[in-house]
Amino acid sequence: MEESAFNALAEDELARIENALEACGADIDIEPKPGGILEIEFDNGSKMIVNRHSAAREIWVAARSGGFHFRHEQGRWVNTRGGDELWAMLAALVSDQAGETVSLVRSD
């Protein structure tokens, strides 16, 4: 995939993630940063970073529990280790870090 196509695809997904996080009801602050970065700060002071990594053509998530890389395959963002889907993992990671159950709804 060309870098420009990847960047457009990743930016769209990051915007969906930002919207879902804003709507999830958890006490979190989301701050978009230049270069395809979402910085998420939780009420407990912890942070999570979701960003596009153009060189690897992946979306990366840095959470308290570890770092995860997701590659776009057949219309889905899939974890490069284990094959888990981005949205399911992100909901679990945000829930863990927020200390409450969080559901994320992906809009198209």
C-alpha atoms as a PDB file:
ATOM      1  CA  MET A   1       0.000   0.000   0.000  1.00  0.00           C
ATOM      2  CA  GLU A   2       1.297   3.436  -0.911  1.00  0.00           C
ATOM      3  CA  GLU A   3       2.152   5.714   2.000  1.00  0.00           C
ATOM      4  CA  SER A   4      -0.439   8.332   1.031  1.00  0.00           C
ATOM      5  CA  ALA A   5      -3.196   5.691   0.843  1.00  0.00           C
ATOM      6  CA  PHE A   6      -2.135   4.270   4.209  1.00  0.00           C
ATOM      7  CA  ASN A   7      -2.078   7.733   5.815  1.00  0.00           C
ATOM      8  CA  ALA A   8      -5.604   8.490   4.569  1.00  0.00           C
ATOM      9  CA  LEU A   9      -6.883   5.107   5.785  1.00  0.00           C
ATOM     10  CA  ALA A  10      -5.197   5.480   9.179  1.00  0.00           C
ATOM     11  CA  GLU A  11      -6.393   9.078   9.636  1.00  0.00           C
ATOM     12  CA  ASP A  12      -9.978   7.971   8.981  1.00  0.00           C
ATOM     13  CA  GLU A  13      -9.632   5.193  11.560  1.00  0.00           C
ATOM     14  CA  LEU A  14      -8.059   7.523  14.134  1.00  0.00           C
ATOM     15  CA  ALA A  15     -10.972   9.954  13.664  1.00  0.00           C
ATOM     16  CA  ARG A  16     -13.425   7.067  14.254  1.00  0.00           C
ATOM     17  CA  ILE A  17     -11.496   6.083  17.388  1.00  0.00           C
ATOM     18  CA  GLU A  18     -11.524   9.666  18.674  1.00  0.00           C
ATOM     19  CA  ASN A  19     -15.296   9.934  18.096  1.00  0.00           C
ATOM     20  CA  ALA A  20     -15.957   6.588  19.797  1.00  0.00           C
ATOM     21  CA  LEU A  21     -13.827   7.548  22.798  1.00  0.00           C
ATOM     22  CA  GLU A  22     -15.614  10.903  23.106  1.00  0.00           C
ATOM     23  CA  ALA A  23     -18.978   9.084  23.089  1.00  0.00           C
ATOM     24  CA  CYS A  24     -18.087   6.172  25.396  1.00  0.00           C
ATOM     25  CA  GLY A  25     -18.969   7.940  28.661  1.00  0.00           C
ATOM     26  CA  ALA A  26     -15.676   7.219  30.446  1.00  0.00           C
ATOM     27  CA  ASP A  27     -13.879  10.033  32.270  1.00  0.00           C
ATOM     28  CA  ILE A  28     -11.066  10.468  29.743  1.00  0.00           C
ATOM     29  CA  ASP A  29      -9.539  13.349  27.829  1.00  0.00           C
ATOM     30  CA  ILE A  30      -8.597  12.818  24.187  1.00  0.00           C
ATOM     31  CA  GLU A  31      -6.142  15.164  22.544  1.00  0.00           C
ATOM     32  CA  PRO A  32      -5.305  14.792  18.864  1.00  0.00           C
ATOM     33  CA  LYS A  33      -1.695  15.710  18.114  1.00  0.00           C
ATOM     34  CA  PRO A  34      -0.051  16.484  14.774  1.00  0.00           C
ATOM     35  CA  GLY A  35       1.221  13.531  12.771  1.00  0.00           C
ATOM     36  CA  GLY A  36      -1.636  11.107  13.409  1.00  0.00           C
ATOM     37  CA  ILE A  37      -1.423  10.808  17.196  1.00  0.00           C
ATOM     38  CA  LEU A  38      -4.210  10.512  19.763  1.00  0.00           C
ATOM     39  CA  GLU A  39      -3.162  11.070  23.362  1.00  0.00           C
ATOM     40  CA  ILE A  40      -5.689   9.697  25.835  1.00  0.00           C
ATOM     41  CA  GLU A  41      -5.467  10.708  29.491  1.00  0.00           C
ATOM     42  CA  PHE A  42      -7.444   8.886  32.144  1.00  0.00           C
ATOM     43  CA  ASP A  43      -8.870  10.200  35.417  1.00  0.00           C
ATOM     44  CA  ASN A  44      -6.218   8.190  37.308  1.00  0.00           C
ATOM     45  CA  GLY A  45      -3.424  10.122  35.532  1.00  0.00           C
ATOM     46  CA  SER A  46      -2.357   7.297  33.222  1.00  0.00           C
ATOM     47  CA  LYS A  47      -2.064   7.809  29.467  1.00  0.00           C
ATOM     48  CA  MET A  48      -2.520   5.817  26.300  1.00  0.00           C
ATOM     49  CA  ILE A  49      -1.223   6.726  22.855  1.00  0.00           C
ATOM     50  CA  VAL A  50      -2.804   5.604  19.585  1.00  0.00           C
ATOM     51  CA  ASN A  51      -0.904   6.604  16.478  1.00  0.00           C
ATOM     52  CA  ARG A  52      -0.267   5.779  12.869  1.00  0.00           C
ATOM     53  CA  HIS A  53       3.165   4.475  11.976  1.00  0.00           C
ATOM     54  CA  SER A  54       3.604   5.225   8.293  1.00  0.00           C
ATOM     55  CA  ALA A  55       6.892   3.374   7.773  1.00  0.00           C
ATOM     56  CA  ALA A  56       5.412   0.101   9.073  1.00  0.00           C
ATOM     57  CA  ARG A  57       1.921   0.844   7.631  1.00  0.00           C
ATOM     58  CA  GLU A  58       0.424   0.096  11.057  1.00  0.00           C
ATOM     59  CA  ILE A  59      -1.601   1.707  13.823  1.00  0.00           C
ATOM     60  CA  TRP A  60       0.220   1.444  17.134  1.00  0.00           C
ATOM     61  CA  VAL A  61      -1.299   1.483  20.613  1.00  0.00           C
ATOM     62  CA  ALA A  62       0.837   2.162  23.688  1.00  0.00           C
ATOM     63  CA  ALA A  63      -1.116   1.298  26.832  1.00  0.00           C
ATOM     64  CA  ARG A  64      -0.226   0.679  30.449  1.00  0.00           C
ATOM     65  CA  SER A  65      -0.339  -3.063  29.739  1.00  0.00           C
ATOM     66  CA  GLY A  66       1.974  -2.926  26.711  1.00  0.00           C
ATOM     67  CA  GLY A  67       2.427  -1.950  23.093  1.00  0.00           C
ATOM     68  CA  PHE A  68       0.388  -3.329  20.222  1.00  0.00           C
ATOM     69  CA  HIS A  69       0.680  -3.046  16.429  1.00  0.00           C
ATOM     70  CA  PHE A  70      -2.258  -3.356  14.026  1.00  0.00           C
ATOM     71  CA  ARG A  71      -2.047  -3.914  10.276  1.00  0.00           C
ATOM     72  CA  HIS A  72      -4.896  -3.335   7.835  1.00  0.00           C
ATOM     73  CA  GLU A  73      -5.982  -6.688   6.378  1.00  0.00           C
ATOM     74  CA  GLN A  74      -9.160  -7.418   4.445  1.00  0.00           C
ATOM     75  CA  GLY A  75     -10.948  -4.312   5.716  1.00  0.00           C
ATOM     76  CA  ARG A  76      -9.976  -4.734   9.378  1.00  0.00           C
ATOM     77  CA  TRP A  77      -7.106  -3.591  11.594  1.00  0.00           C
ATOM     78  CA  VAL A  78      -5.573  -6.778  13.007  1.00  0.00           C
ATOM     79  CA  ASN A  79      -2.994  -7.210  15.771  1.00  0.00           C
ATOM     80  CA  THR A  80       0.274  -8.443  14.264  1.00  0.00           C
ATOM     81  CA  ARG A  81       0.634 -10.783  17.263  1.00  0.00           C
ATOM     82  CA  GLY A  82      -2.359 -13.019  17.699  1.00  0.00           C
ATOM     83  CA  GLY A  83      -4.703 -11.544  15.105  1.00  0.00           C
ATOM     84  CA  ASP A  84      -7.052  -9.752  17.519  1.00  0.00           C
ATOM     85  CA  GLU A  85      -9.113  -6.924  16.043  1.00  0.00           C
ATOM     86  CA  LEU A  86      -8.191  -3.321  16.931  1.00  0.00           C
ATOM     87  CA  TRP A  87     -11.592  -2.215  18.224  1.00  0.00           C
ATOM     88  CA  ALA A  88     -12.073  -5.192  20.543  1.00  0.00           C
ATOM     89  CA  MET A  89      -8.571  -4.811  21.959  1.00  0.00           C
ATOM     90  CA  LEU A  90      -8.907  -1.053  22.287  1.00  0.00           C
ATOM     91  CA  ALA A  91     -12.174  -1.393  24.251  1.00  0.00           C
ATOM     92  CA  ALA A  92     -10.486  -3.896  26.593  1.00  0.00           C
ATOM     93  CA  LEU A  93      -7.383  -1.723  27.008  1.00  0.00           C
ATOM     94  CA  VAL A  94      -9.403   1.442  27.667  1.00  0.00           C
ATOM     95  CA  SER A  95     -11.646  -0.451  30.121  1.00  0.00           C
ATOM     96  CA  ASP A  96      -8.598  -1.756  31.975  1.00  0.00           C
ATOM     97  CA  GLN A  97      -6.942   1.620  32.172  1.00  0.00           C
ATOM     98  CA  ALA A  98     -10.148   3.521  33.046  1.00  0.00           C
ATOM     99  CA  GLY A  99     -11.120   1.004  35.716  1.00  0.00           C
ATOM    100  CA  GLU A 100     -14.630   0.641  34.260  1.00  0.00           C
ATOM    101  CA  THR A 101     -16.261  -1.225  31.404  1.00  0.00           C
ATOM    102  CA  VAL A 102     -16.063   0.808  28.213  1.00  0.00           C
ATOM    103  CA  SER A 103     -17.829  -0.029  24.963  1.00  0.00           C
ATOM    104  CA  LEU A 104     -16.549   1.519  21.756  1.00  0.00           C
ATOM    105  CA  VAL A 105     -18.858   1.751  18.771  1.00  0.00           C
ATOM    106  CA  ARG A 106     -17.175   2.088  15.390  1.00  0.00           C
ATOM    107  CA  SER A 107     -19.060   4.382  13.055  1.00  0.00           C
ATOM    108  CA  ASP A 108     -18.633   4.207   9.305  1.00  0.00           C
END
